């Protein structure tokens, strides 16, 4: 996490890191939601098969 922030600070202007942080949270939220959906769907399919 520190390495990523240092790379961002080195390569970006002052305003860009503040723009990249919410995008990171957005992608993290999408990944978590999709993982939950896949888990629920697989559980539902497994319960229907048995």
N, C-alpha and C. Protein backbone atom coordinates (compact mmCIF):
# COMPACT_ATOMS: atom_id res chain seq x y z
N UNK A 1 0.84 -1.19 0.00
CA UNK A 1 0.00 0.00 0.00
C UNK A 1 0.88 1.25 0.00
N UNK A 2 1.92 1.26 0.83
CA UNK A 2 2.84 2.40 0.85
C UNK A 2 3.56 2.54 -0.49
N UNK A 3 3.95 1.40 -1.07
CA UNK A 3 4.64 1.43 -2.37
C UNK A 3 3.75 2.02 -3.45
N UNK A 4 2.48 1.62 -3.47
CA UNK A 4 1.53 2.12 -4.47
C UNK A 4 1.35 3.63 -4.31
N UNK A 5 1.18 4.10 -3.06
CA UNK A 5 0.96 5.53 -2.84
C UNK A 5 2.21 6.33 -3.21
N UNK A 6 3.41 5.80 -2.95
CA UNK A 6 4.63 6.51 -3.31
C UNK A 6 4.78 6.59 -4.83
N UNK A 7 4.42 5.51 -5.54
CA UNK A 7 4.48 5.52 -7.00
C UNK A 7 3.49 6.53 -7.56
N UNK A 8 2.28 6.55 -7.00
CA UNK A 8 1.26 7.50 -7.44
C UNK A 8 1.73 8.93 -7.19
N UNK A 9 2.30 9.18 -6.01
CA UNK A 9 2.77 10.53 -5.70
C UNK A 9 3.91 10.95 -6.62
N UNK A 10 4.75 10.01 -7.03
CA UNK A 10 5.88 10.33 -7.89
C UNK A 10 5.41 10.61 -9.32
N UNK A 11 4.43 9.86 -9.81
CA UNK A 11 4.04 9.94 -11.21
C UNK A 11 2.90 10.93 -11.48
N UNK A 12 2.19 11.35 -10.46
CA UNK A 12 0.98 12.15 -10.67
C UNK A 12 1.16 13.57 -10.13
N UNK A 13 0.28 14.46 -10.57
CA UNK A 13 0.23 15.80 -10.01
C UNK A 13 -0.49 15.77 -8.67
N UNK A 14 -0.61 16.92 -8.04
CA UNK A 14 -1.16 16.97 -6.68
C UNK A 14 -2.62 16.56 -6.64
N UNK A 15 -3.39 16.87 -7.69
CA UNK A 15 -4.83 16.59 -7.66
C UNK A 15 -5.14 15.15 -8.03
N UNK A 16 -4.26 14.47 -8.76
CA UNK A 16 -4.60 13.14 -9.26
C UNK A 16 -4.71 12.06 -8.19
N UNK A 17 -3.84 12.01 -7.15
CA UNK A 17 -4.02 10.98 -6.12
C UNK A 17 -5.38 11.07 -5.43
N UNK A 18 -5.88 12.28 -5.21
CA UNK A 18 -7.20 12.42 -4.59
C UNK A 18 -8.30 11.91 -5.53
N UNK A 19 -8.04 11.92 -6.83
CA UNK A 19 -8.98 11.39 -7.82
C UNK A 19 -8.85 9.87 -7.93
N UNK A 20 -7.65 9.33 -7.68
CA UNK A 20 -7.43 7.89 -7.81
C UNK A 20 -7.95 7.12 -6.61
N UNK A 21 -7.98 7.74 -5.43
CA UNK A 21 -8.40 7.03 -4.21
C UNK A 21 -9.85 6.55 -4.32
N UNK A 22 -10.83 7.40 -4.69
CA UNK A 22 -12.21 6.90 -4.82
C UNK A 22 -12.36 5.85 -5.91
N UNK A 23 -11.55 5.93 -6.97
CA UNK A 23 -11.61 4.90 -8.02
C UNK A 23 -11.16 3.57 -7.45
N UNK A 24 -10.12 3.59 -6.60
CA UNK A 24 -9.66 2.37 -5.95
C UNK A 24 -10.73 1.77 -5.06
N UNK A 25 -11.40 2.64 -4.27
CA UNK A 25 -12.50 2.15 -3.43
C UNK A 25 -13.64 1.60 -4.27
N UNK A 26 -13.91 2.24 -5.42
CA UNK A 26 -14.98 1.78 -6.31
C UNK A 26 -14.68 0.39 -6.85
N UNK A 27 -13.44 0.19 -7.32
CA UNK A 27 -13.06 -1.13 -7.84
C UNK A 27 -13.08 -2.17 -6.73
N UNK A 28 -12.65 -1.79 -5.52
CA UNK A 28 -12.68 -2.73 -4.39
C UNK A 28 -14.12 -3.11 -4.07
N UNK A 29 -15.02 -2.14 -4.08
CA UNK A 29 -16.43 -2.42 -3.82
C UNK A 29 -17.04 -3.33 -4.88
N UNK A 30 -16.70 -3.08 -6.15
CA UNK A 30 -17.21 -3.93 -7.23
C UNK A 30 -16.70 -5.35 -7.06
N UNK A 31 -15.42 -5.50 -6.71
CA UNK A 31 -14.84 -6.83 -6.54
C UNK A 31 -15.51 -7.57 -5.38
N UNK A 32 -15.74 -6.87 -4.27
CA UNK A 32 -16.37 -7.50 -3.09
C UNK A 32 -17.81 -7.89 -3.43
N UNK A 33 -18.55 -7.00 -4.10
CA UNK A 33 -19.96 -7.28 -4.43
C UNK A 33 -20.04 -8.46 -5.40
N UNK A 34 -19.16 -8.50 -6.40
CA UNK A 34 -19.20 -9.61 -7.36
C UNK A 34 -18.82 -10.92 -6.68
N UNK A 35 -17.88 -10.87 -5.73
CA UNK A 35 -17.51 -12.09 -5.00
C UNK A 35 -18.68 -12.59 -4.17
N UNK A 36 -19.41 -11.67 -3.52
CA UNK A 36 -20.58 -12.06 -2.73
C UNK A 36 -21.65 -12.66 -3.63
N UNK A 37 -21.88 -12.04 -4.80
CA UNK A 37 -22.90 -12.55 -5.73
C UNK A 37 -22.53 -13.95 -6.20
N UNK A 38 -21.25 -14.16 -6.56
CA UNK A 38 -20.80 -15.49 -7.01
C UNK A 38 -20.98 -16.51 -5.90
N UNK A 39 -20.65 -16.12 -4.66
CA UNK A 39 -20.79 -17.04 -3.52
C UNK A 39 -22.25 -17.41 -3.30
N UNK A 40 -23.13 -16.41 -3.33
CA UNK A 40 -24.55 -16.66 -3.10
C UNK A 40 -25.13 -17.53 -4.21
N UNK A 41 -24.78 -17.22 -5.46
CA UNK A 41 -25.30 -17.99 -6.60
C UNK A 41 -24.81 -19.43 -6.53
N UNK A 42 -23.54 -19.64 -6.22
CA UNK A 42 -23.01 -21.01 -6.14
C UNK A 42 -23.67 -21.78 -5.00
N UNK A 43 -23.91 -21.11 -3.87
CA UNK A 43 -24.59 -21.75 -2.75
C UNK A 43 -26.02 -22.13 -3.14
N UNK A 44 -26.69 -21.21 -3.85
CA UNK A 44 -28.06 -21.45 -4.28
C UNK A 44 -28.12 -22.61 -5.26
N UNK A 45 -27.19 -22.66 -6.21
CA UNK A 45 -27.16 -23.74 -7.20
C UNK A 45 -26.86 -25.07 -6.52
N UNK A 46 -25.94 -25.07 -5.57
CA UNK A 46 -25.60 -26.31 -4.87
C UNK A 46 -26.78 -26.82 -4.04
N UNK A 47 -27.53 -25.91 -3.43
CA UNK A 47 -28.68 -26.34 -2.64
C UNK A 47 -29.80 -26.87 -3.54
N UNK A 48 -29.92 -26.36 -4.75
CA UNK A 48 -30.92 -26.86 -5.69
C UNK A 48 -30.54 -28.24 -6.22
N UNK A 49 -29.27 -28.50 -6.40
CA UNK A 49 -28.83 -29.79 -6.94
C UNK A 49 -29.07 -30.92 -5.96
N UNK A 50 -28.93 -30.65 -4.67
CA UNK A 50 -29.04 -31.73 -3.67
C UNK A 50 -30.47 -32.00 -3.27
